[in-house]
Amino acid sequence: MGIIEALDNTSTAAVDKGEAYLKTTKKYYELKVFQQLALLSVTGCKLALYFGLCILGLIFLAIAGASAIGDYFDNASIGYLFVSVLFFGLIGIIYLVRNRIEKLIIHKLSENFFD
């Protein structure tokens, strides 16, 4: 009976260790998901604030620049047209380098996610 009791004790210990491992793994993944959600939330909030303020600044800067260019050429329409062409040019440049931007974003996200 000594061998059967030893096997029983060993299998019981193995089951206990397996259950403990599963509980620990579950807690780890819960914490990892919480960490990623917290990081995403904080980054999203900061990005929304920065984006909003940058848009407001860009609007006022564009209006001021268009007015200045319009005053220089004595025609407000030329100033606003110049600023709009400048913005469309920037949009075109961003469109041309969009793949590099996507790769950079994916690389940064993978550093944060797989640390």
N, C-alpha and C. Protein backbone atom coordinates (compact mmCIF):
# COMPACT_ATOMS: atom_id res chain seq x y z
N MET A 1 0.80 -1.20 0.00
CA MET A 1 0.00 0.00 0.00
C MET A 1 0.85 1.27 0.00
N GLY A 2 2.10 1.19 0.30
CA GLY A 2 2.96 2.37 0.36
C GLY A 2 3.10 3.04 -0.99
N ILE A 3 3.16 2.24 -2.05
CA ILE A 3 3.33 2.82 -3.39
C ILE A 3 2.05 3.53 -3.83
N ILE A 4 0.90 2.94 -3.53
CA ILE A 4 -0.38 3.56 -3.92
C ILE A 4 -0.59 4.86 -3.16
N GLU A 5 -0.26 4.88 -1.90
CA GLU A 5 -0.39 6.12 -1.11
C GLU A 5 0.58 7.18 -1.61
N ALA A 6 1.78 6.78 -1.98
CA ALA A 6 2.76 7.74 -2.51
C ALA A 6 2.28 8.32 -3.84
N LEU A 7 1.73 7.46 -4.70
CA LEU A 7 1.18 7.94 -5.97
C LEU A 7 -0.01 8.88 -5.74
N ASP A 8 -0.85 8.53 -4.77
CA ASP A 8 -2.00 9.37 -4.45
C ASP A 8 -1.54 10.73 -3.95
N ASN A 9 -0.56 10.76 -3.07
CA ASN A 9 -0.03 12.02 -2.54
C ASN A 9 0.62 12.84 -3.65
N THR A 10 1.36 12.18 -4.52
CA THR A 10 2.04 12.87 -5.61
C THR A 10 1.02 13.45 -6.60
N SER A 11 0.02 12.68 -6.94
CA SER A 11 -0.99 13.18 -7.88
C SER A 11 -1.80 14.31 -7.26
N THR A 12 -2.10 14.20 -5.96
CA THR A 12 -2.83 15.28 -5.28
C THR A 12 -1.99 16.55 -5.26
N ALA A 13 -0.70 16.41 -4.99
CA ALA A 13 0.19 17.58 -4.97
C ALA A 13 0.29 18.19 -6.38
N ALA A 14 0.35 17.34 -7.40
CA ALA A 14 0.43 17.84 -8.78
C ALA A 14 -0.83 18.60 -9.15
N VAL A 15 -1.98 18.07 -8.76
CA VAL A 15 -3.25 18.75 -9.04
C VAL A 15 -3.30 20.09 -8.31
N ASP A 16 -2.86 20.12 -7.05
CA ASP A 16 -2.86 21.37 -6.29
C ASP A 16 -1.94 22.40 -6.93
N LYS A 17 -0.76 21.97 -7.35
CA LYS A 17 0.18 22.90 -7.99
C LYS A 17 -0.37 23.38 -9.33
N GLY A 18 -1.03 22.49 -10.07
CA GLY A 18 -1.64 22.88 -11.34
C GLY A 18 -2.74 23.92 -11.15
N GLU A 19 -3.57 23.71 -10.12
CA GLU A 19 -4.63 24.69 -9.83
C GLU A 19 -4.05 26.03 -9.41
N ALA A 20 -3.00 25.99 -8.59
CA ALA A 20 -2.34 27.23 -8.17
C ALA A 20 -1.74 27.95 -9.37
N TYR A 21 -1.15 27.19 -10.28
CA TYR A 21 -0.58 27.78 -11.49
C TYR A 21 -1.66 28.44 -12.34
N LEU A 22 -2.78 27.77 -12.50
CA LEU A 22 -3.88 28.34 -13.29
C LEU A 22 -4.43 29.61 -12.66
N LYS A 23 -4.57 29.62 -11.33
CA LYS A 23 -5.07 30.82 -10.65
C LYS A 23 -4.08 31.98 -10.82
N THR A 24 -2.80 31.68 -10.67
CA THR A 24 -1.78 32.71 -10.81
C THR A 24 -1.74 33.24 -12.24
N THR A 25 -1.85 32.35 -13.20
CA THR A 25 -1.85 32.75 -14.61
C THR A 25 -3.07 33.62 -14.91
N LYS A 26 -4.21 33.25 -14.37
CA LYS A 26 -5.43 34.03 -14.58
C LYS A 26 -5.27 35.43 -14.00
N LYS A 27 -4.72 35.53 -12.80
CA LYS A 27 -4.51 36.84 -12.17
C LYS A 27 -3.53 37.68 -13.00
N TYR A 28 -2.48 37.02 -13.51
CA TYR A 28 -1.49 37.73 -14.32
C TYR A 28 -2.15 38.32 -15.56
N TYR A 29 -2.95 37.53 -16.25
CA TYR A 29 -3.59 38.04 -17.47
C TYR A 29 -4.64 39.10 -17.16
N GLU A 30 -5.31 38.99 -16.03
CA GLU A 30 -6.24 40.06 -15.64
C GLU A 30 -5.48 41.37 -15.42
N LEU A 31 -4.33 41.28 -14.75
CA LEU A 31 -3.53 42.48 -14.52
C LEU A 31 -2.96 43.02 -15.84
N LYS A 32 -2.57 42.13 -16.72
CA LYS A 32 -2.03 42.56 -18.02
C LYS A 32 -3.10 43.28 -18.84
N VAL A 33 -4.31 42.74 -18.84
CA VAL A 33 -5.42 43.39 -19.57
C VAL A 33 -5.72 44.75 -18.93
N PHE A 34 -5.74 44.81 -17.60
CA PHE A 34 -5.98 46.09 -16.92
C PHE A 34 -4.89 47.10 -17.28
N GLN A 35 -3.64 46.64 -17.29
CA GLN A 35 -2.54 47.54 -17.63
C GLN A 35 -2.71 48.09 -19.04
N GLN A 36 -3.05 47.23 -19.99
CA GLN A 36 -3.21 47.68 -21.37
C GLN A 36 -4.41 48.63 -21.52
N LEU A 37 -5.50 48.32 -20.83
CA LEU A 37 -6.67 49.21 -20.90
C LEU A 37 -6.37 50.57 -20.26
N ALA A 38 -5.65 50.55 -19.14
CA ALA A 38 -5.30 51.80 -18.49
C ALA A 38 -4.38 52.63 -19.38
N LEU A 39 -3.40 51.97 -19.97
CA LEU A 39 -2.48 52.67 -20.86
C LEU A 39 -3.22 53.24 -22.07
N LEU A 40 -4.13 52.47 -22.62
CA LEU A 40 -4.91 52.93 -23.76
C LEU A 40 -5.81 54.11 -23.38
N SER A 41 -6.43 54.04 -22.21
CA SER A 41 -7.31 55.13 -21.77
C SER A 41 -6.53 56.41 -21.53
N VAL A 42 -5.43 56.31 -20.83
CA VAL A 42 -4.62 57.49 -20.53
C VAL A 42 -4.07 58.10 -21.82
N THR A 43 -3.57 57.25 -22.69
CA THR A 43 -3.03 57.74 -23.96
C THR A 43 -4.13 58.38 -24.80
N GLY A 44 -5.30 57.76 -24.82
CA GLY A 44 -6.41 58.32 -25.59
C GLY A 44 -6.85 59.68 -25.07
N CYS A 45 -6.93 59.81 -23.76
CA CYS A 45 -7.33 61.10 -23.16
C CYS A 45 -6.30 62.19 -23.45
N LYS A 46 -5.03 61.86 -23.26
CA LYS A 46 -3.98 62.84 -23.54
C LYS A 46 -3.98 63.22 -25.01
N LEU A 47 -4.14 62.22 -25.88
CA LEU A 47 -4.15 62.49 -27.31
C LEU A 47 -5.33 63.37 -27.69
N ALA A 48 -6.49 63.14 -27.10
CA ALA A 48 -7.66 63.96 -27.39
C ALA A 48 -7.43 65.42 -26.95
N LEU A 49 -6.83 65.59 -25.79
CA LEU A 49 -6.53 66.96 -25.32
C LEU A 49 -5.52 67.65 -26.22
N TYR A 50 -4.43 66.96 -26.53
CA TYR A 50 -3.41 67.55 -27.39
C TYR A 50 -3.98 67.86 -28.77
N PHE A 51 -4.75 66.91 -29.31
CA PHE A 51 -5.32 67.08 -30.64
C PHE A 51 -6.27 68.28 -30.66
N GLY A 52 -7.12 68.38 -29.66
CA GLY A 52 -8.06 69.50 -29.60
C GLY A 52 -7.36 70.84 -29.53
N LEU A 53 -6.37 70.93 -28.66
CA LEU A 53 -5.64 72.19 -28.53
C LEU A 53 -4.83 72.51 -29.79
N CYS A 54 -4.25 71.51 -30.39
CA CYS A 54 -3.50 71.74 -31.63
C CYS A 54 -4.42 72.19 -32.76
N ILE A 55 -5.60 71.61 -32.84
CA ILE A 55 -6.55 72.02 -33.88
C ILE A 55 -6.96 73.47 -33.68
N LEU A 56 -7.26 73.84 -32.43
CA LEU A 56 -7.61 75.24 -32.17
C LEU A 56 -6.47 76.19 -32.54
N GLY A 57 -5.26 75.83 -32.14
CA GLY A 57 -4.10 76.65 -32.48
C GLY A 57 -3.89 76.73 -33.98
N LEU A 58 -4.08 75.60 -34.66
CA LEU A 58 -3.89 75.58 -36.11
C LEU A 58 -4.95 76.43 -36.82
N ILE A 59 -6.16 76.41 -36.32
CA ILE A 59 -7.22 77.23 -36.92
C ILE A 59 -6.87 78.71 -36.80
N PHE A 60 -6.49 79.13 -35.59
CA PHE A 60 -6.14 80.54 -35.41
C PHE A 60 -4.89 80.93 -36.19
N LEU A 61 -3.93 80.03 -36.26
CA LEU A 61 -2.72 80.29 -37.02
C LEU A 61 -3.04 80.40 -38.51
N ALA A 62 -3.90 79.54 -39.01
CA ALA A 62 -4.27 79.58 -40.42
C ALA A 62 -5.01 80.86 -40.76
N ILE A 63 -5.91 81.28 -39.90
CA ILE A 63 -6.66 82.52 -40.14
C ILE A 63 -5.71 83.72 -40.11
N ALA A 64 -4.82 83.74 -39.13
CA ALA A 64 -3.87 84.85 -39.04
C ALA A 64 -2.93 84.86 -40.24
N GLY A 65 -2.45 83.68 -40.64
CA GLY A 65 -1.56 83.62 -41.80
C GLY A 65 -2.27 84.02 -43.08
N ALA A 66 -3.50 83.55 -43.24
CA ALA A 66 -4.26 83.92 -44.43
C ALA A 66 -4.53 85.42 -44.47
N SER A 67 -4.83 85.99 -43.32
CA SER A 67 -5.06 87.45 -43.27
C SER A 67 -3.78 88.21 -43.60
N ALA A 68 -2.65 87.73 -43.07
CA ALA A 68 -1.38 88.41 -43.35
C ALA A 68 -1.01 88.31 -44.83
N ILE A 69 -1.19 87.14 -45.41
CA ILE A 69 -0.89 86.99 -46.84
C ILE A 69 -1.86 87.82 -47.67
N GLY A 70 -3.14 87.85 -47.26
CA GLY A 70 -4.12 88.67 -47.96
C GLY A 70 -3.77 90.15 -47.89
N ASP A 71 -3.29 90.60 -46.74
CA ASP A 71 -2.88 92.01 -46.61
C ASP A 71 -1.67 92.30 -47.49
N TYR A 72 -0.77 91.35 -47.57
CA TYR A 72 0.44 91.55 -48.38
C TYR A 72 0.09 91.70 -49.86
N PHE A 73 -0.84 90.88 -50.35
CA PHE A 73 -1.23 90.95 -51.76
C PHE A 73 -2.45 91.84 -51.99
N ASP A 74 -2.94 92.50 -50.96
CA ASP A 74 -4.12 93.36 -51.04
C ASP A 74 -5.35 92.62 -51.57
N ASN A 75 -5.42 91.31 -51.26
CA ASN A 75 -6.57 90.50 -51.69
C ASN A 75 -6.71 89.35 -50.69
N ALA A 76 -7.78 89.39 -49.90
CA ALA A 76 -7.98 88.38 -48.86
C ALA A 76 -8.17 86.99 -49.44
N SER A 77 -8.79 86.90 -50.61
CA SER A 77 -9.04 85.60 -51.22
C SER A 77 -7.75 84.87 -51.54
N ILE A 78 -6.74 85.59 -51.99
CA ILE A 78 -5.45 84.96 -52.31
C ILE A 78 -4.82 84.40 -51.04
N GLY A 79 -4.95 85.10 -49.94
CA GLY A 79 -4.40 84.62 -48.67
C GLY A 79 -5.06 83.33 -48.22
N TYR A 80 -6.37 83.29 -48.28
CA TYR A 80 -7.07 82.08 -47.87
C TYR A 80 -6.83 80.93 -48.85
N LEU A 81 -6.74 81.25 -50.12
CA LEU A 81 -6.44 80.23 -51.12
C LEU A 81 -5.05 79.64 -50.90
N PHE A 82 -4.09 80.48 -50.60
CA PHE A 82 -2.72 80.01 -50.36
C PHE A 82 -2.68 79.07 -49.15
N VAL A 83 -3.34 79.45 -48.08
CA VAL A 83 -3.35 78.61 -46.88
C VAL A 83 -4.05 77.28 -47.14
N SER A 84 -5.14 77.29 -47.90
CA SER A 84 -5.84 76.04 -48.20
C SER A 84 -4.99 75.14 -49.08
N VAL A 85 -4.28 75.70 -50.05
CA VAL A 85 -3.38 74.89 -50.88
C VAL A 85 -2.26 74.31 -50.02
N LEU A 86 -1.76 75.06 -49.07
CA LEU A 86 -0.73 74.56 -48.16
C LEU A 86 -1.25 73.37 -47.36
N PHE A 87 -2.47 73.46 -46.85
CA PHE A 87 -3.05 72.34 -46.10
C PHE A 87 -3.25 71.11 -46.98
N PHE A 88 -3.74 71.31 -48.18
CA PHE A 88 -3.92 70.17 -49.08
C PHE A 88 -2.58 69.55 -49.47
N GLY A 89 -1.56 70.38 -49.59
CA GLY A 89 -0.21 69.86 -49.85
C GLY A 89 0.28 69.00 -48.69
N LEU A 90 0.03 69.45 -47.46
CA LEU A 90 0.41 68.66 -46.28
C LEU A 90 -0.36 67.34 -46.24
N ILE A 91 -1.64 67.39 -46.60
CA ILE A 91 -2.44 66.16 -46.64
C ILE A 91 -1.85 65.20 -47.67
N GLY A 92 -1.42 65.72 -48.82
CA GLY A 92 -0.82 64.87 -49.85
C GLY A 92 0.48 64.23 -49.38
N ILE A 93 1.31 65.00 -48.69
CA ILE A 93 2.57 64.45 -48.17
C ILE A 93 2.29 63.36 -47.14
N ILE A 94 1.34 63.60 -46.25
CA ILE A 94 1.00 62.60 -45.24
C ILE A 94 0.45 61.34 -45.91
N TYR A 95 -0.33 61.52 -46.96
CA TYR A 95 -0.86 60.36 -47.69
C TYR A 95 0.27 59.54 -48.32
N LEU A 96 1.27 60.22 -48.83
CA LEU A 96 2.38 59.51 -49.47
C LEU A 96 3.23 58.72 -48.47
N VAL A 97 3.34 59.19 -47.24
CA VAL A 97 4.16 58.51 -46.23
C VAL A 97 3.31 57.75 -45.22
N ARG A 98 2.07 57.43 -45.57
CA ARG A 98 1.16 56.77 -44.63
C ARG A 98 1.67 55.40 -44.20
N ASN A 99 2.34 54.67 -45.09
CA ASN A 99 2.84 53.34 -44.72
C ASN A 99 3.91 53.43 -43.65
N ARG A 100 4.78 54.42 -43.75
CA ARG A 100 5.80 54.61 -42.71
C ARG A 100 5.16 54.97 -41.37
N ILE A 101 4.14 55.81 -41.43
CA ILE A 101 3.44 56.20 -40.21
C ILE A 101 2.78 54.99 -39.57
N GLU A 102 2.12 54.14 -40.38
CA GLU A 102 1.47 52.94 -39.86
C GLU A 102 2.49 52.00 -39.22
N LYS A 103 3.63 51.80 -39.87
CA LYS A 103 4.67 50.92 -39.32
C LYS A 103 5.19 51.46 -37.99
N LEU A 104 5.38 52.77 -37.92
CA LEU A 104 5.86 53.39 -36.67
C LEU A 104 4.86 53.19 -35.54
N ILE A 105 3.59 53.39 -35.83
CA ILE A 105 2.54 53.22 -34.82
C ILE A 105 2.47 51.77 -34.36
N ILE A 106 2.50 50.83 -35.30
CA ILE A 106 2.45 49.41 -34.94
C ILE A 106 3.67 49.02 -34.12
N HIS A 107 4.83 49.54 -34.47
CA HIS A 107 6.05 49.24 -33.71
C HIS A 107 5.94 49.76 -32.28
N LYS A 108 5.46 50.99 -32.12
CA LYS A 108 5.31 51.56 -30.77
C LYS A 108 4.28 50.78 -29.95
N LEU A 109 3.16 50.42 -30.58
CA LEU A 109 2.15 49.65 -29.86
C LEU A 109 2.65 48.27 -29.45
N SER A 110 3.42 47.64 -30.33
CA SER A 110 3.94 46.31 -29.99
C SER A 110 4.95 46.39 -28.86
N GLU A 111 5.72 47.47 -28.76
CA GLU A 111 6.65 47.64 -27.63
C GLU A 111 5.87 47.71 -26.32
N ASN A 112 4.76 48.45 -26.33
CA ASN A 112 3.96 48.58 -25.10
C ASN A 112 3.20 47.32 -24.77
N PHE A 113 2.71 46.63 -25.77
CA PHE A 113 1.86 45.47 -25.54
C PHE A 113 2.66 44.23 -25.16
N PHE A 114 3.80 44.04 -25.78
CA PHE A 114 4.57 42.81 -25.58
C PHE A 114 5.79 43.01 -24.69
N ASP A 115 5.70 43.90 -23.70
CA ASP A 115 6.86 44.14 -22.82
C ASP A 115 7.04 43.04 -21.81
